[in-house]
C-alpha atoms as a PDB file:
ATOM      1  CA  MET A   1     -20.003   9.103   6.503  1.00  0.00           C
ATOM      2  CA  LYS A   2     -21.791   5.851   7.093  1.00  0.00           C
ATOM      3  CA  PRO A   3     -20.012   2.525   7.820  1.00  0.00           C
ATOM      4  CA  PHE A   4     -19.823   0.161   4.874  1.00  0.00           C
ATOM      5  CA  VAL A   5     -18.472  -3.228   3.708  1.00  0.00           C
ATOM      6  CA  LEU A   6     -16.652  -3.389   0.316  1.00  0.00           C
ATOM      7  CA  HIS A   7     -15.584  -6.571  -1.442  1.00  0.00           C
ATOM      8  CA  PHE A   8     -12.156  -6.147  -3.198  1.00  0.00           C
ATOM      9  CA  ARG A   9     -13.771  -7.210  -6.497  1.00  0.00           C
ATOM     10  CA  ASP A  10     -16.182  -4.235  -6.324  1.00  0.00           C
ATOM     11  CA  ALA A  11     -13.545  -1.506  -5.585  1.00  0.00           C
ATOM     12  CA  LEU A  12     -12.674   1.019  -8.262  1.00  0.00           C
ATOM     13  CA  ARG A  13      -9.708  -0.258 -10.244  1.00  0.00           C
ATOM     14  CA  THR A  14      -6.946   1.823 -11.800  1.00  0.00           C
ATOM     15  CA  ALA A  15      -3.618   0.606 -13.353  1.00  0.00           C
ATOM     16  CA  GLU A  16      -0.467   2.309 -14.135  1.00  0.00           C
ATOM     17  CA  GLY A  17       1.947  -0.026 -15.980  1.00  0.00           C
ATOM     18  CA  GLU A  18       2.827  -2.942 -13.679  1.00  0.00           C
ATOM     19  CA  ILE A  19       0.829  -1.530 -10.602  1.00  0.00           C
ATOM     20  CA  GLU A  20      -2.831  -2.075 -10.118  1.00  0.00           C
ATOM     21  CA  VAL A  21      -4.638  -0.025  -7.438  1.00  0.00           C
ATOM     22  CA  ARG A  22      -8.218  -0.827  -6.114  1.00  0.00           C
ATOM     23  CA  THR A  23      -9.450   2.042  -4.077  1.00  0.00           C
ATOM     24  CA  LEU A  24     -11.134   0.850  -0.794  1.00  0.00           C
ATOM     25  CA  LEU A  25     -11.573   4.218   1.034  1.00  0.00           C
ATOM     26  CA  LEU A  26     -11.137   7.638  -0.487  1.00  0.00           C
ATOM     27  CA  ARG A  27      -9.588  10.280   1.820  1.00  0.00           C
ATOM     28  CA  GLU A  28     -12.459  12.669   0.761  1.00  0.00           C
ATOM     29  CA  ALA A  29     -15.026  10.033   1.999  1.00  0.00           C
ATOM     30  CA  ALA A  30     -13.446   9.599   5.533  1.00  0.00           C
ATOM     31  CA  GLU A  31     -12.201  12.110   8.116  1.00  0.00           C
ATOM     32  CA  VAL A  32      -8.542  11.106   8.449  1.00  0.00           C
ATOM     33  CA  SER A  33      -8.159   7.909   6.567  1.00  0.00           C
ATOM     34  CA  LYS A  34      -7.451   6.368   3.092  1.00  0.00           C
ATOM     35  CA  SER A  35      -7.039   2.735   2.067  1.00  0.00           C
ATOM     36  CA  GLU A  36      -6.167   0.911  -1.186  1.00  0.00           C
ATOM     37  CA  LEU A  37      -5.393  -2.592  -2.357  1.00  0.00           C
ATOM     38  CA  ILE A  38      -2.187  -2.574  -4.252  1.00  0.00           C
ATOM     39  CA  ARG A  39      -0.934  -5.284  -6.732  1.00  0.00           C
ATOM     40  CA  LEU A  40       2.571  -5.213  -8.090  1.00  0.00           C
ATOM     41  CA  GLU A  41       3.621  -7.411 -11.046  1.00  0.00           C
ATOM     42  CA  PRO A  42       7.011  -9.323 -10.517  1.00  0.00           C
ATOM     43  CA  GLY A  43       9.792  -6.906 -10.222  1.00  0.00           C
ATOM     44  CA  ALA A  44       7.604  -3.810 -10.219  1.00  0.00           C
ATOM     45  CA  VAL A  45       8.604  -0.918  -8.059  1.00  0.00           C
ATOM     46  CA  THR A  46       6.590   1.951  -6.475  1.00  0.00           C
ATOM     47  CA  ARG A  47       7.879   5.466  -6.531  1.00  0.00           C
ATOM     48  CA  GLU A  48       9.790   6.622  -3.417  1.00  0.00           C
ATOM     49  CA  GLN A  49       7.698   8.880  -1.105  1.00  0.00           C
ATOM     50  CA  SER A  50       7.863  10.611   2.174  1.00  0.00           C
ATOM     51  CA  HIS A  51       4.953  12.348   4.005  1.00  0.00           C
ATOM     52  CA  SER A  52       4.937  14.978   6.714  1.00  0.00           C
ATOM     53  CA  ASP A  53       1.306  14.621   7.320  1.00  0.00           C
ATOM     54  CA  GLU A  54       0.645  10.882   6.947  1.00  0.00           C
ATOM     55  CA  GLU A  55       1.454   7.599   8.722  1.00  0.00           C
ATOM     56  CA  GLU A  56       0.989   4.391   6.665  1.00  0.00           C
ATOM     57  CA  ALA A  57       0.625   0.673   7.303  1.00  0.00           C
ATOM     58  CA  TYR A  58       0.864  -2.146   4.913  1.00  0.00           C
ATOM     59  CA  LEU A  59      -0.715  -5.547   5.345  1.00  0.00           C
ATOM     60  CA  ILE A  60       0.943  -7.920   2.926  1.00  0.00           C
ATOM     61  CA  LEU A  61      -1.579 -10.343   1.668  1.00  0.00           C
ATOM     62  CA  ASN A  62       0.087 -12.386  -1.105  1.00  0.00           C
ATOM     63  CA  GLY A  63       3.550 -12.811  -2.543  1.00  0.00           C
ATOM     64  CA  GLN A  64       6.867 -11.648  -1.403  1.00  0.00           C
ATOM     65  CA  GLY A  65       9.107  -8.607  -2.047  1.00  0.00           C
ATOM     66  CA  TYR A  66      10.896  -5.826  -0.345  1.00  0.00           C
ATOM     67  CA  VAL A  67      10.011  -2.604   1.583  1.00  0.00           C
ATOM     68  CA  ILE A  68      12.636  -0.032   1.568  1.00  0.00           C
ATOM     69  CA  LEU A  69      12.472   2.329   4.641  1.00  0.00           C
ATOM     70  CA  ASP A  70      14.758   5.308   4.781  1.00  0.00           C
ATOM     71  CA  GLY A  71      17.269   3.383   2.550  1.00  0.00           C
ATOM     72  CA  GLU A  72      17.161   0.089   4.565  1.00  0.00           C
ATOM     73  CA  GLU A  73      15.805  -2.879   2.609  1.00  0.00           C
ATOM     74  CA  HIS A  74      13.327  -5.206   4.379  1.00  0.00           C
ATOM     75  CA  ALA A  75      12.329  -8.606   2.922  1.00  0.00           C
ATOM     76  CA  VAL A  76       8.489  -9.122   3.317  1.00  0.00           C
ATOM     77  CA  GLU A  77       6.224 -12.046   2.481  1.00  0.00           C
ATOM     78  CA  ALA A  78       2.655 -12.758   3.198  1.00  0.00           C
ATOM     79  CA  PRO A  79       1.294 -12.504   5.883  1.00  0.00           C
ATOM     80  CA  CYS A  80       3.363  -9.562   7.126  1.00  0.00           C
ATOM     81  CA  PHE A  81       2.661  -6.107   8.561  1.00  0.00           C
ATOM     82  CA  VAL A  82       4.656  -2.913   7.878  1.00  0.00           C
ATOM     83  CA  TRP A  83       4.422   0.431   9.823  1.00  0.00           C
ATOM     84  CA  ILE A  84       5.761   3.659   8.211  1.00  0.00           C
ATOM     85  CA  PRO A  85       5.893   6.794  10.415  1.00  0.00           C
ATOM     86  CA  ARG A  86       5.699  10.321   9.146  1.00  0.00           C
ATOM     87  CA  ASN A  87       8.715  11.595   7.220  1.00  0.00           C
ATOM     88  CA  CYS A  88      10.117   8.133   6.454  1.00  0.00           C
ATOM     89  CA  ARG A  89      11.256   7.676   2.865  1.00  0.00           C
ATOM     90  CA  HIS A  90       9.735   4.453   1.484  1.00  0.00           C
ATOM     91  CA  PHE A  91       8.957   2.413  -1.507  1.00  0.00           C
ATOM     92  CA  VAL A  92       8.059  -1.099  -2.348  1.00  0.00           C
ATOM     93  CA  ARG A  93       9.575  -3.722  -4.882  1.00  0.00           C
ATOM     94  CA  ALA A  94       7.907  -6.936  -5.754  1.00  0.00           C
ATOM     95  CA  GLY A  95       9.973 -10.168  -5.838  1.00  0.00           C
ATOM     96  CA  ASP A  96       9.864 -12.914  -8.442  1.00  0.00           C
ATOM     97  CA  GLY A  97       6.081 -13.155  -8.326  1.00  0.00           C
ATOM     98  CA  PRO A  98       3.176 -10.722  -7.859  1.00  0.00           C
ATOM     99  CA  LEU A  99       2.972  -8.834  -4.465  1.00  0.00           C
ATOM    100  CA  GLU A 100      -0.462  -7.767  -3.045  1.00  0.00           C
ATOM    101  CA  TYR A 101      -0.850  -5.547  -0.077  1.00  0.00           C
ATOM    102  CA  VAL A 102      -3.446  -3.256   1.586  1.00  0.00           C
ATOM    103  CA  TYR A 103      -2.295   0.263   2.239  1.00  0.00           C
ATOM    104  CA  PHE A 104      -3.784   2.163   5.192  1.00  0.00           C
ATOM    105  CA  ALA A 105      -3.143   5.844   5.704  1.00  0.00           C
ATOM    106  CA  ALA A 106      -3.854   8.125   8.540  1.00  0.00           C
ATOM    107  CA  PHE A 107      -3.602  11.851   8.031  1.00  0.00           C
ATOM    108  CA  ILE A 108      -2.414  13.979  10.913  1.00  0.00           C
END
């Protein structure tokens, strides 16, 4: 794959209820990575997940909310960085306003 620059406004957009996803890097296009821009409407919650083959990082860009890691709630607000190791149960909940973050995944 060749290197590239992608403006968020040009990324493929999908929406599911109160969650909007803009695909920045498809896993199929890279060797071990994936990346998305996520926007949660106020109070929206992502589904709980855990991955045995994936490490994740979130870069909180705008807003505030909560990241729940193995049952422990952590308040986050922009700018903020979150690291999620393999096998950690996690989900995100927006606060009173929209929450935007970039999700990075590395597959092991």
